[in-house]
C-alpha atoms as a PDB file:
ATOM      1  CA  MET A   1     -43.604  -8.215  30.467  1.00  0.00           C
ATOM      2  CA  ALA A   2     -42.893 -10.172  33.901  1.00  0.00           C
ATOM      3  CA  LEU A   3     -44.113 -14.372  33.955  1.00  0.00           C
ATOM      4  CA  VAL A   4     -46.040 -14.935  36.992  1.00  0.00           C
ATOM      5  CA  LEU A   5     -46.417 -18.421  37.908  1.00  0.00           C
ATOM      6  CA  PRO A   6     -47.934 -19.838  41.145  1.00  0.00           C
ATOM      7  CA  HIS A   7     -45.160 -19.336  43.591  1.00  0.00           C
ATOM      8  CA  SER A   8     -43.127 -17.051  41.865  1.00  0.00           C
ATOM      9  CA  VAL A   9     -41.656 -14.064  39.644  1.00  0.00           C
ATOM     10  CA  PHE A  10     -39.988 -13.609  36.452  1.00  0.00           C
ATOM     11  CA  PHE A  11     -38.432 -10.647  35.194  1.00  0.00           C
ATOM     12  CA  HIS A  12     -36.809 -10.265  32.121  1.00  0.00           C
ATOM     13  CA  LEU A  13     -34.001  -8.598  31.648  1.00  0.00           C
ATOM     14  CA  PRO A  14     -33.163  -8.555  28.259  1.00  0.00           C
ATOM     15  CA  LYS A  15     -30.014 -11.241  26.359  1.00  0.00           C
ATOM     16  CA  THR A  16     -29.720 -13.486  29.278  1.00  0.00           C
ATOM     17  CA  GLY A  17     -32.110 -16.607  28.293  1.00  0.00           C
ATOM     18  CA  GLY A  18     -35.868 -14.723  29.221  1.00  0.00           C
ATOM     19  CA  SER A  19     -37.342 -17.202  25.809  1.00  0.00           C
ATOM     20  CA  PHE A  20     -35.430 -19.665  27.336  1.00  0.00           C
ATOM     21  CA  ILE A  21     -37.069 -19.782  30.281  1.00  0.00           C
ATOM     22  CA  ARG A  22     -40.506 -18.424  28.914  1.00  0.00           C
ATOM     23  CA  LYS A  23     -40.394 -21.441  27.244  1.00  0.00           C
ATOM     24  CA  THR A  24     -38.833 -23.837  29.344  1.00  0.00           C
ATOM     25  CA  ILE A  25     -41.473 -22.815  31.574  1.00  0.00           C
ATOM     26  CA  LYS A  26     -43.824 -23.668  29.493  1.00  0.00           C
ATOM     27  CA  ASP A  27     -43.545 -26.808  28.496  1.00  0.00           C
ATOM     28  CA  LEU A  28     -42.748 -27.665  31.703  1.00  0.00           C
ATOM     29  CA  GLY A  29     -46.396 -27.267  32.621  1.00  0.00           C
ATOM     30  CA  ILE A  30     -46.525 -24.798  34.959  1.00  0.00           C
ATOM     31  CA  GLU A  31     -48.591 -22.747  34.488  1.00  0.00           C
ATOM     32  CA  ASN A  32     -48.585 -18.527  33.943  1.00  0.00           C
ATOM     33  CA  ARG A  33     -49.505 -15.604  32.553  1.00  0.00           C
ATOM     34  CA  GLU A  34     -47.633 -12.686  30.999  1.00  0.00           C
ATOM     35  CA  VAL A  35     -48.639  -9.454  33.350  1.00  0.00           C
ATOM     36  CA  GLY A  36     -47.330  -5.299  32.997  1.00  0.00           C
ATOM     37  CA  GLY A  37     -45.052  -3.589  29.931  1.00  0.00           C
ATOM     38  CA  HIS A  38     -42.631  -5.083  28.306  1.00  0.00           C
ATOM     39  CA  HIS A  39     -38.857  -5.722  29.883  1.00  0.00           C
ATOM     40  CA  GLU A  40     -41.239  -3.379  33.221  1.00  0.00           C
ATOM     41  CA  SER A  41     -38.742  -2.619  35.928  1.00  0.00           C
ATOM     42  CA  LEU A  42     -39.133  -4.543  38.692  1.00  0.00           C
ATOM     43  CA  ALA A  43     -40.130  -1.442  40.949  1.00  0.00           C
ATOM     44  CA  SER A  44     -42.678  -0.089  38.533  1.00  0.00           C
ATOM     45  CA  PHE A  45     -44.104  -3.402  38.635  1.00  0.00           C
ATOM     46  CA  ALA A  46     -44.270  -3.339  42.206  1.00  0.00           C
ATOM     47  CA  ASP A  47     -46.269  -0.304  42.478  1.00  0.00           C
ATOM     48  CA  GLU A  48     -49.093  -1.027  39.735  1.00  0.00           C
ATOM     49  CA  TYR A  49     -49.633  -5.175  40.647  1.00  0.00           C
ATOM     50  CA  PRO A  50     -48.424  -5.048  44.437  1.00  0.00           C
ATOM     51  CA  ARG A  51     -51.056  -7.793  45.026  1.00  0.00           C
ATOM     52  CA  VAL A  52     -49.495 -10.127  42.673  1.00  0.00           C
ATOM     53  CA  LEU A  53     -45.671  -9.574  43.733  1.00  0.00           C
ATOM     54  CA  SER A  54     -46.340 -10.285  47.649  1.00  0.00           C
ATOM     55  CA  GLY A  55     -45.581 -13.202  48.641  1.00  0.00           C
ATOM     56  CA  ARG A  56     -43.815 -14.867  45.301  1.00  0.00           C
ATOM     57  CA  PHE A  57     -40.778 -15.244  45.141  1.00  0.00           C
ATOM     58  CA  VAL A  58     -38.612 -12.624  42.754  1.00  0.00           C
ATOM     59  CA  PHE A  59     -35.727 -13.777  40.059  1.00  0.00           C
ATOM     60  CA  THR A  60     -34.197 -12.704  37.004  1.00  0.00           C
ATOM     61  CA  PHE A  61     -31.046 -13.611  35.214  1.00  0.00           C
ATOM     62  CA  VAL A  62     -27.816 -12.216  34.793  1.00  0.00           C
ATOM     63  CA  ARG A  63     -25.300 -12.076  32.066  1.00  0.00           C
ATOM     64  CA  TYR A  64     -21.195 -11.632  31.590  1.00  0.00           C
ATOM     65  CA  PRO A  65     -21.133  -8.179  30.335  1.00  0.00           C
ATOM     66  CA  LEU A  66     -18.218  -8.244  27.891  1.00  0.00           C
ATOM     67  CA  THR A  67     -21.035 -11.235  26.422  1.00  0.00           C
ATOM     68  CA  TRP A  68     -24.184  -9.576  26.685  1.00  0.00           C
ATOM     69  CA  TRP A  69     -22.553  -6.693  24.735  1.00  0.00           C
ATOM     70  CA  GLN A  70     -21.367  -9.526  22.180  1.00  0.00           C
ATOM     71  CA  SER A  71     -24.584 -11.407  22.142  1.00  0.00           C
ATOM     72  CA  TYR A  72     -26.703  -7.863  21.989  1.00  0.00           C
ATOM     73  CA  TRP A  73     -24.368  -6.043  18.756  1.00  0.00           C
ATOM     74  CA  ALA A  74     -24.762  -9.995  16.852  1.00  0.00           C
ATOM     75  CA  HIS A  75     -28.679  -9.818  17.263  1.00  0.00           C
ATOM     76  CA  ARG A  76     -29.020  -6.476  15.644  1.00  0.00           C
ATOM     77  CA  PHE A  77     -26.451  -7.730  12.861  1.00  0.00           C
ATOM     78  CA  LEU A  78     -28.130 -10.793  12.322  1.00  0.00           C
ATOM     79  CA  HIS A  79     -32.006  -9.059  12.582  1.00  0.00           C
ATOM     80  CA  GLY A  80     -31.639  -5.232  11.944  1.00  0.00           C
ATOM     81  CA  TRP A  81     -31.085  -2.568  14.196  1.00  0.00           C
ATOM     82  CA  SER A  82     -34.256  -0.918  15.803  1.00  0.00           C
ATOM     83  CA  PRO A  83     -35.007   2.157  14.773  1.00  0.00           C
ATOM     84  CA  ASP A  84     -37.525   3.137  17.904  1.00  0.00           C
ATOM     85  CA  HIS A  85     -33.997   2.392  20.356  1.00  0.00           C
ATOM     86  CA  PRO A  86     -32.428   5.885  20.317  1.00  0.00           C
ATOM     87  CA  MET A  87     -29.210   3.750  21.558  1.00  0.00           C
ATOM     88  CA  ASP A  88     -29.768   1.602  17.880  1.00  0.00           C
ATOM     89  CA  ARG A  89     -30.362   4.941  16.401  1.00  0.00           C
ATOM     90  CA  VAL A  90     -26.798   7.203  17.607  1.00  0.00           C
ATOM     91  CA  CYS A  91     -24.733   3.691  17.338  1.00  0.00           C
ATOM     92  CA  ASN A  92     -25.979   1.329  15.153  1.00  0.00           C
ATOM     93  CA  ASP A  93     -22.577   0.161  13.093  1.00  0.00           C
ATOM     94  CA  SER A  94     -21.662  -3.281  11.314  1.00  0.00           C
ATOM     95  CA  ASP A  95     -18.693  -3.356  12.410  1.00  0.00           C
ATOM     96  CA  PHE A  96     -18.663  -4.414  16.619  1.00  0.00           C
ATOM     97  CA  CYS A  97     -15.647  -2.212  17.686  1.00  0.00           C
ATOM     98  CA  ARG A  98     -16.689   0.745  15.701  1.00  0.00           C
ATOM     99  CA  TYR A  99     -20.277   0.439  17.662  1.00  0.00           C
ATOM    100  CA  MET A 100     -18.479  -0.589  21.587  1.00  0.00           C
ATOM    101  CA  GLU A 101     -16.028   2.860  21.256  1.00  0.00           C
ATOM    102  CA  GLN A 102     -18.873   4.110  19.976  1.00  0.00           C
ATOM    103  CA  ILE A 103     -21.263   2.883  23.449  1.00  0.00           C
ATOM    104  CA  LEU A 104     -18.363   3.854  25.052  1.00  0.00           C
ATOM    105  CA  ARG A 105     -18.317   7.609  24.541  1.00  0.00           C
ATOM    106  CA  SER A 106     -21.954   8.305  24.210  1.00  0.00           C
ATOM    107  CA  ASP A 107     -24.005   7.725  26.900  1.00  0.00           C
ATOM    108  CA  TRP A 108     -25.730   4.218  26.299  1.00  0.00           C
ATOM    109  CA  LYS A 109     -21.805   3.290  27.781  1.00  0.00           C
ATOM    110  CA  ARG A 110     -23.744   2.516  31.415  1.00  0.00           C
ATOM    111  CA  HIS A 111     -26.941   1.140  29.221  1.00  0.00           C
ATOM    112  CA  TYR A 112     -26.502  -3.127  30.822  1.00  0.00           C
ATOM    113  CA  LEU A 113     -26.088  -1.721  34.389  1.00  0.00           C
ATOM    114  CA  ASP A 114     -28.698   0.201  34.368  1.00  0.00           C
ATOM    115  CA  LEU A 115     -30.800  -3.150  33.222  1.00  0.00           C
ATOM    116  CA  CYS A 116     -29.565  -4.664  36.400  1.00  0.00           C
ATOM    117  CA  SER A 117     -30.067  -2.252  38.356  1.00  0.00           C
ATOM    118  CA  THR A 118     -33.670  -2.530  36.957  1.00  0.00           C
ATOM    119  CA  PHE A 119     -34.477  -6.142  37.772  1.00  0.00           C
ATOM    120  CA  VAL A 120     -31.604  -6.843  40.989  1.00  0.00           C
ATOM    121  CA  THR A 121     -33.228  -4.820  43.689  1.00  0.00           C
ATOM    122  CA  GLU A 122     -33.520  -5.353  47.652  1.00  0.00           C
ATOM    123  CA  ARG A 123     -36.565  -7.352  46.758  1.00  0.00           C
ATOM    124  CA  THR A 124     -35.242 -10.052  44.632  1.00  0.00           C
ATOM    125  CA  ASP A 125     -34.786 -13.319  45.656  1.00  0.00           C
ATOM    126  CA  PHE A 126     -32.667 -14.634  43.315  1.00  0.00           C
ATOM    127  CA  VAL A 127     -30.421 -14.032  40.272  1.00  0.00           C
ATOM    128  CA  GLY A 128     -29.028 -16.513  38.158  1.00  0.00           C
ATOM    129  CA  ARG A 129     -26.746 -16.648  35.639  1.00  0.00           C
ATOM    130  CA  GLN A 130     -27.167 -16.645  32.115  1.00  0.00           C
ATOM    131  CA  GLU A 131     -23.847 -19.109  31.325  1.00  0.00           C
ATOM    132  CA  ASN A 132     -25.699 -21.576  34.158  1.00  0.00           C
ATOM    133  CA  LEU A 133     -28.629 -21.788  32.678  1.00  0.00           C
ATOM    134  CA  VAL A 134     -30.434 -24.415  33.221  1.00  0.00           C
ATOM    135  CA  ALA A 135     -28.745 -25.393  36.885  1.00  0.00           C
ATOM    136  CA  ASP A 136     -29.750 -22.301  38.528  1.00  0.00           C
ATOM    137  CA  LEU A 137     -32.926 -22.054  36.659  1.00  0.00           C
ATOM    138  CA  THR A 138     -33.605 -25.360  38.210  1.00  0.00           C
ATOM    139  CA  VAL A 139     -32.729 -23.873  41.766  1.00  0.00           C
ATOM    140  CA  ALA A 140     -34.962 -20.894  41.164  1.00  0.00           C
ATOM    141  CA  LEU A 141     -37.892 -22.814  40.887  1.00  0.00           C
ATOM    142  CA  GLY A 142     -37.267 -25.211  43.701  1.00  0.00           C
ATOM    143  CA  ARG A 143     -36.212 -22.814  46.004  1.00  0.00           C
ATOM    144  CA  ALA A 144     -39.774 -20.782  44.814  1.00  0.00           C
ATOM    145  CA  GLY A 145     -41.974 -23.474  45.285  1.00  0.00           C
ATOM    146  CA  GLU A 146     -43.239 -24.039  42.117  1.00  0.00           C
ATOM    147  CA  LYS A 147     -43.728 -28.267  40.952  1.00  0.00           C
ATOM    148  CA  PHE A 148     -42.211 -28.706  37.763  1.00  0.00           C
ATOM    149  CA  ASP A 149     -39.994 -32.077  36.388  1.00  0.00           C
ATOM    150  CA  ARG A 150     -36.261 -31.436  36.978  1.00  0.00           C
ATOM    151  CA  LYS A 151     -35.160 -33.814  34.464  1.00  0.00           C
ATOM    152  CA  SER A 152     -37.483 -33.098  31.536  1.00  0.00           C
ATOM    153  CA  LEU A 153     -36.522 -28.640  32.375  1.00  0.00           C
ATOM    154  CA  GLY A 154     -33.043 -28.841  29.756  1.00  0.00           C
ATOM    155  CA  ARG A 155     -34.593 -31.106  26.812  1.00  0.00           C
ATOM    156  CA  LEU A 156     -35.681 -28.271  25.445  1.00  0.00           C
ATOM    157  CA  GLY A 157     -32.284 -26.735  24.232  1.00  0.00           C
ATOM    158  CA  PHE A 158     -31.576 -23.487  23.814  1.00  0.00           C
ATOM    159  CA  THR A 159     -33.034 -21.145  21.896  1.00  0.00           C
ATOM    160  CA  ASN A 160     -32.674 -17.506  20.608  1.00  0.00           C
ATOM    161  CA  ARG A 161     -28.783 -17.616  19.937  1.00  0.00           C
ATOM    162  CA  SER A 162     -27.731 -14.761  18.214  1.00  0.00           C
ATOM    163  CA  LEU A 163     -24.088 -14.823  17.446  1.00  0.00           C
ATOM    164  CA  SER A 164     -21.470 -13.891  15.308  1.00  0.00           C
ATOM    165  CA  ASP A 165     -18.023 -14.158  13.917  1.00  0.00           C
ATOM    166  CA  GLU A 166     -17.540 -10.629  13.978  1.00  0.00           C
ATOM    167  CA  ALA A 167     -18.515 -10.012  17.813  1.00  0.00           C
ATOM    168  CA  ARG A 168     -14.591  -9.546  18.229  1.00  0.00           C
ATOM    169  CA  TYR A 169     -12.815  -7.525  21.100  1.00  0.00           C
ATOM    170  CA  THR A 170      -9.177  -5.995  21.333  1.00  0.00           C
ATOM    171  CA  ALA A 171      -7.093  -6.169  24.302  1.00  0.00           C
ATOM    172  CA  SER A 172      -7.974  -2.759  24.790  1.00  0.00           C
ATOM    173  CA  LEU A 173     -11.868  -2.054  24.650  1.00  0.00           C
ATOM    174  CA  ARG A 174     -11.998  -6.103  26.577  1.00  0.00           C
ATOM    175  CA  ARG A 175     -10.315  -3.720  28.932  1.00  0.00           C
ATOM    176  CA  GLU A 176     -12.237  -0.756  29.202  1.00  0.00           C
ATOM    177  CA  VAL A 177     -15.305  -2.314  28.930  1.00  0.00           C
ATOM    178  CA  LYS A 178     -15.342  -5.082  32.638  1.00  0.00           C
ATOM    179  CA  ALA A 179     -13.552  -1.791  33.921  1.00  0.00           C
ATOM    180  CA  LEU A 180     -17.400  -0.071  33.254  1.00  0.00           C
ATOM    181  CA  HIS A 181     -18.332  -3.442  34.846  1.00  0.00           C
ATOM    182  CA  ARG A 182     -15.599  -4.584  37.443  1.00  0.00           C
ATOM    183  CA  ASP A 183     -18.393  -3.975  40.298  1.00  0.00           C
ATOM    184  CA  VAL A 184     -21.393  -6.174  38.590  1.00  0.00           C
ATOM    185  CA  ILE A 185     -18.276  -8.727  37.566  1.00  0.00           C
ATOM    186  CA  ARG A 186     -17.005  -8.829  41.249  1.00  0.00           C
ATOM    187  CA  ARG A 187     -20.396  -9.223  42.155  1.00  0.00           C
ATOM    188  CA  PHE A 188     -21.642 -12.203  40.119  1.00  0.00           C
ATOM    189  CA  TYR A 189     -18.869 -13.700  38.598  1.00  0.00           C
ATOM    190  CA  PRO A 190     -15.453 -13.512  41.055  1.00  0.00           C
ATOM    191  CA  GLU A 191     -12.123 -13.767  40.239  1.00  0.00           C
ATOM    192  CA  LYS A 192     -12.407 -17.713  41.480  1.00  0.00           C
ATOM    193  CA  ASP A 193     -15.385 -18.114  37.592  1.00  0.00           C
ATOM    194  CA  SER A 194     -12.656 -15.997  35.271  1.00  0.00           C
ATOM    195  CA  VAL A 195     -10.739 -19.167  33.494  1.00  0.00           C
ATOM    196  CA  ALA A 196     -14.594 -20.677  33.424  1.00  0.00           C
ATOM    197  CA  LEU A 197     -15.945 -17.026  31.977  1.00  0.00           C
ATOM    198  CA  ARG A 198     -12.587 -16.571  29.417  1.00  0.00           C
ATOM    199  CA  TYR A 199     -13.424 -19.765  27.327  1.00  0.00           C
ATOM    200  CA  PHE A 200     -16.799 -18.700  27.305  1.00  0.00           C
ATOM    201  CA  GLU A 201     -15.949 -16.058  25.887  1.00  0.00           C
ATOM    202  CA  ARG A 202     -13.877 -17.507  23.607  1.00  0.00           C
ATOM    203  CA  MET A 203     -16.757 -20.408  22.288  1.00  0.00           C
ATOM    204  CA  PHE A 204     -18.649 -16.978  21.631  1.00  0.00           C
ATOM    205  CA  GLN A 205     -16.435 -15.687  19.579  1.00  0.00           C
ATOM    206  CA  LYS A 206     -15.999 -19.600  17.400  1.00  0.00           C
ATOM    207  CA  GLN A 207     -20.168 -20.341  17.219  1.00  0.00           C
END
């Protein structure tokens, strides 16, 4: 569902910090309400709720593709695969590398890219990065004109972390996943940030 605020609408791309964002907005006391279906696309939301979207600032978040897949697998590994999700039924595996090999051989290899295109459209005003969650959420709410205490925004800490030491790429898998997602990486993770992103990937594996 989209989270509707007085001056903005947040669309939740899964595994990009959406739980933290929802809890933080409520903690800040910003008026909000849930509207629409679970993880509903921006286009379908615009068709169904044009008055809600009209005049509001639209924002969403993305995540570095390699760690997005790590996070998705780790969450399922720790909490169980969803029999209702066809990708889980087809590709589930207790070994991360075998899982990613199955993903890359299946029709689901573009799943994260498809999610990005669902929420990052011409109508999207701001795209934050999960790796810079607190700072980018501050920017999004500020640009939207929402009233909130900036000093209180990061006090809750991060939530819903589902990390596993088992989520490690081989060198060849890393190259293949990066190549598949090169357009997203070029757009949202320019080369100047590559050192910081490699550090973030290593930190994921250590936690």
